[in-house]
Amino acid sequence: METIQIEILNPKANQLLRDLADLNLIRIKSKSTIKEILEKTRKNADYVPSLDEITEEVEEVRQARYRGKV
């Protein structure tokens, strides 16, 4: 099996791809969003940080990183 990424330029190509998927010749996967990834990760976690807590920590790391560069 080979995996490739396709950028659809013409909407008609979208229907062609769906037809191929209906024939079980290809499988179409959608990209996961950060929210979906977090939900998947949180299922077995003891502590689940909120999205606000994650954002706050990311901002702290960014500030610390750029403090030395300015």
C-alpha atoms as a PDB file:
ATOM      1  CA  MET A   1       0.000   0.000   0.000  1.00  0.00           C
ATOM      2  CA  GLU A   2       1.235   3.490  -0.846  1.00  0.00           C
ATOM      3  CA  THR A   3       0.113   6.731   0.774  1.00  0.00           C
ATOM      4  CA  ILE A   4       0.093  10.001  -1.152  1.00  0.00           C
ATOM      5  CA  GLN A   5      -1.242  13.484  -0.509  1.00  0.00           C
ATOM      6  CA  ILE A   6      -3.429  15.025  -3.195  1.00  0.00           C
ATOM      7  CA  GLU A   7      -4.386  18.654  -3.658  1.00  0.00           C
ATOM      8  CA  ILE A   8      -7.704  18.890  -5.488  1.00  0.00           C
ATOM      9  CA  LEU A   9      -7.730  21.725  -8.017  1.00  0.00           C
ATOM     10  CA  ASN A  10     -11.007  20.948  -9.740  1.00  0.00           C
ATOM     11  CA  PRO A  11     -14.191  20.055  -7.814  1.00  0.00           C
ATOM     12  CA  LYS A  12     -14.963  17.348 -10.406  1.00  0.00           C
ATOM     13  CA  ALA A  13     -11.910  15.447  -9.196  1.00  0.00           C
ATOM     14  CA  ASN A  14     -13.502  15.195  -5.768  1.00  0.00           C
ATOM     15  CA  GLN A  15     -16.382  13.165  -7.205  1.00  0.00           C
ATOM     16  CA  LEU A  16     -13.951  10.923  -9.095  1.00  0.00           C
ATOM     17  CA  LEU A  17     -12.100  10.184  -5.874  1.00  0.00           C
ATOM     18  CA  ARG A  18     -15.352   9.399  -4.079  1.00  0.00           C
ATOM     19  CA  ASP A  19     -16.290   7.010  -6.887  1.00  0.00           C
ATOM     20  CA  LEU A  20     -12.944   5.222  -6.520  1.00  0.00           C
ATOM     21  CA  ALA A  21     -13.546   4.949  -2.789  1.00  0.00           C
ATOM     22  CA  ASP A  22     -17.016   3.472  -3.433  1.00  0.00           C
ATOM     23  CA  LEU A  23     -15.340   0.803  -5.584  1.00  0.00           C
ATOM     24  CA  ASN A  24     -12.967   0.055  -2.679  1.00  0.00           C
ATOM     25  CA  LEU A  25      -9.985   1.036  -4.801  1.00  0.00           C
ATOM     26  CA  ILE A  26      -8.869   3.836  -2.497  1.00  0.00           C
ATOM     27  CA  ARG A  27      -9.565   4.994   1.063  1.00  0.00           C
ATOM     28  CA  ILE A  28     -10.127   8.659   1.827  1.00  0.00           C
ATOM     29  CA  LYS A  29      -8.953   9.897   5.225  1.00  0.00           C
ATOM     30  CA  SER A  30      -9.588  13.366   6.519  1.00  0.00           C
ATOM     31  CA  LYS A  31      -6.913  15.240   8.419  1.00  0.00           C
ATOM     32  CA  SER A  32      -7.325  15.249  12.161  1.00  0.00           C
ATOM     33  CA  THR A  33      -7.801  18.571  13.877  1.00  0.00           C
ATOM     34  CA  ILE A  34      -5.977  19.443  17.076  1.00  0.00           C
ATOM     35  CA  LYS A  35      -9.259  19.061  18.934  1.00  0.00           C
ATOM     36  CA  GLU A  36      -9.746  15.509  17.632  1.00  0.00           C
ATOM     37  CA  ILE A  37      -6.178  14.584  18.538  1.00  0.00           C
ATOM     38  CA  LEU A  38      -6.637  15.960  22.053  1.00  0.00           C
ATOM     39  CA  GLU A  39      -9.866  14.013  22.541  1.00  0.00           C
ATOM     40  CA  LYS A  40      -8.161  10.812  21.418  1.00  0.00           C
ATOM     41  CA  THR A  41      -5.195  11.396  23.724  1.00  0.00           C
ATOM     42  CA  ARG A  42      -7.358  12.303  26.709  1.00  0.00           C
ATOM     43  CA  LYS A  43      -9.328   9.059  26.752  1.00  0.00           C
ATOM     44  CA  ASN A  44      -6.746   7.222  28.899  1.00  0.00           C
ATOM     45  CA  ALA A  45      -5.177  10.171  30.715  1.00  0.00           C
ATOM     46  CA  ASP A  46      -5.275  10.614  34.497  1.00  0.00           C
ATOM     47  CA  TYR A  47      -5.171  14.415  34.203  1.00  0.00           C
ATOM     48  CA  VAL A  48      -6.683  16.257  31.273  1.00  0.00           C
ATOM     49  CA  PRO A  49      -5.623  19.900  30.812  1.00  0.00           C
ATOM     50  CA  SER A  50      -8.172  22.229  29.290  1.00  0.00           C
ATOM     51  CA  LEU A  51      -7.580  23.939  25.976  1.00  0.00           C
ATOM     52  CA  ASP A  52      -7.088  27.203  27.897  1.00  0.00           C
ATOM     53  CA  GLU A  53      -4.384  25.604  30.082  1.00  0.00           C
ATOM     54  CA  ILE A  54      -2.605  24.280  26.995  1.00  0.00           C
ATOM     55  CA  THR A  55      -2.799  27.690  25.313  1.00  0.00           C
ATOM     56  CA  GLU A  56      -1.443  29.407  28.425  1.00  0.00           C
ATOM     57  CA  GLU A  57       1.522  27.040  28.596  1.00  0.00           C
ATOM     58  CA  VAL A  58       2.275  27.468  24.895  1.00  0.00           C
ATOM     59  CA  GLU A  59       2.257  31.250  25.331  1.00  0.00           C
ATOM     60  CA  GLU A  60       4.643  31.000  28.307  1.00  0.00           C
ATOM     61  CA  VAL A  61       7.073  28.904  26.258  1.00  0.00           C
ATOM     62  CA  ARG A  62       6.863  31.348  23.347  1.00  0.00           C
ATOM     63  CA  GLN A  63       7.533  34.308  25.623  1.00  0.00           C
ATOM     64  CA  ALA A  64      10.529  32.558  27.178  1.00  0.00           C
ATOM     65  CA  ARG A  65      11.890  31.668  23.744  1.00  0.00           C
ATOM     66  CA  TYR A  66      11.557  35.150  22.273  1.00  0.00           C
ATOM     67  CA  ARG A  67      12.728  36.957  25.418  1.00  0.00           C
ATOM     68  CA  GLY A  68      16.327  36.167  24.523  1.00  0.00           C
ATOM     69  CA  LYS A  69      16.024  37.036  20.813  1.00  0.00           C
ATOM     70  CA  VAL A  70      14.731  40.604  21.074  1.00  0.00           C
END
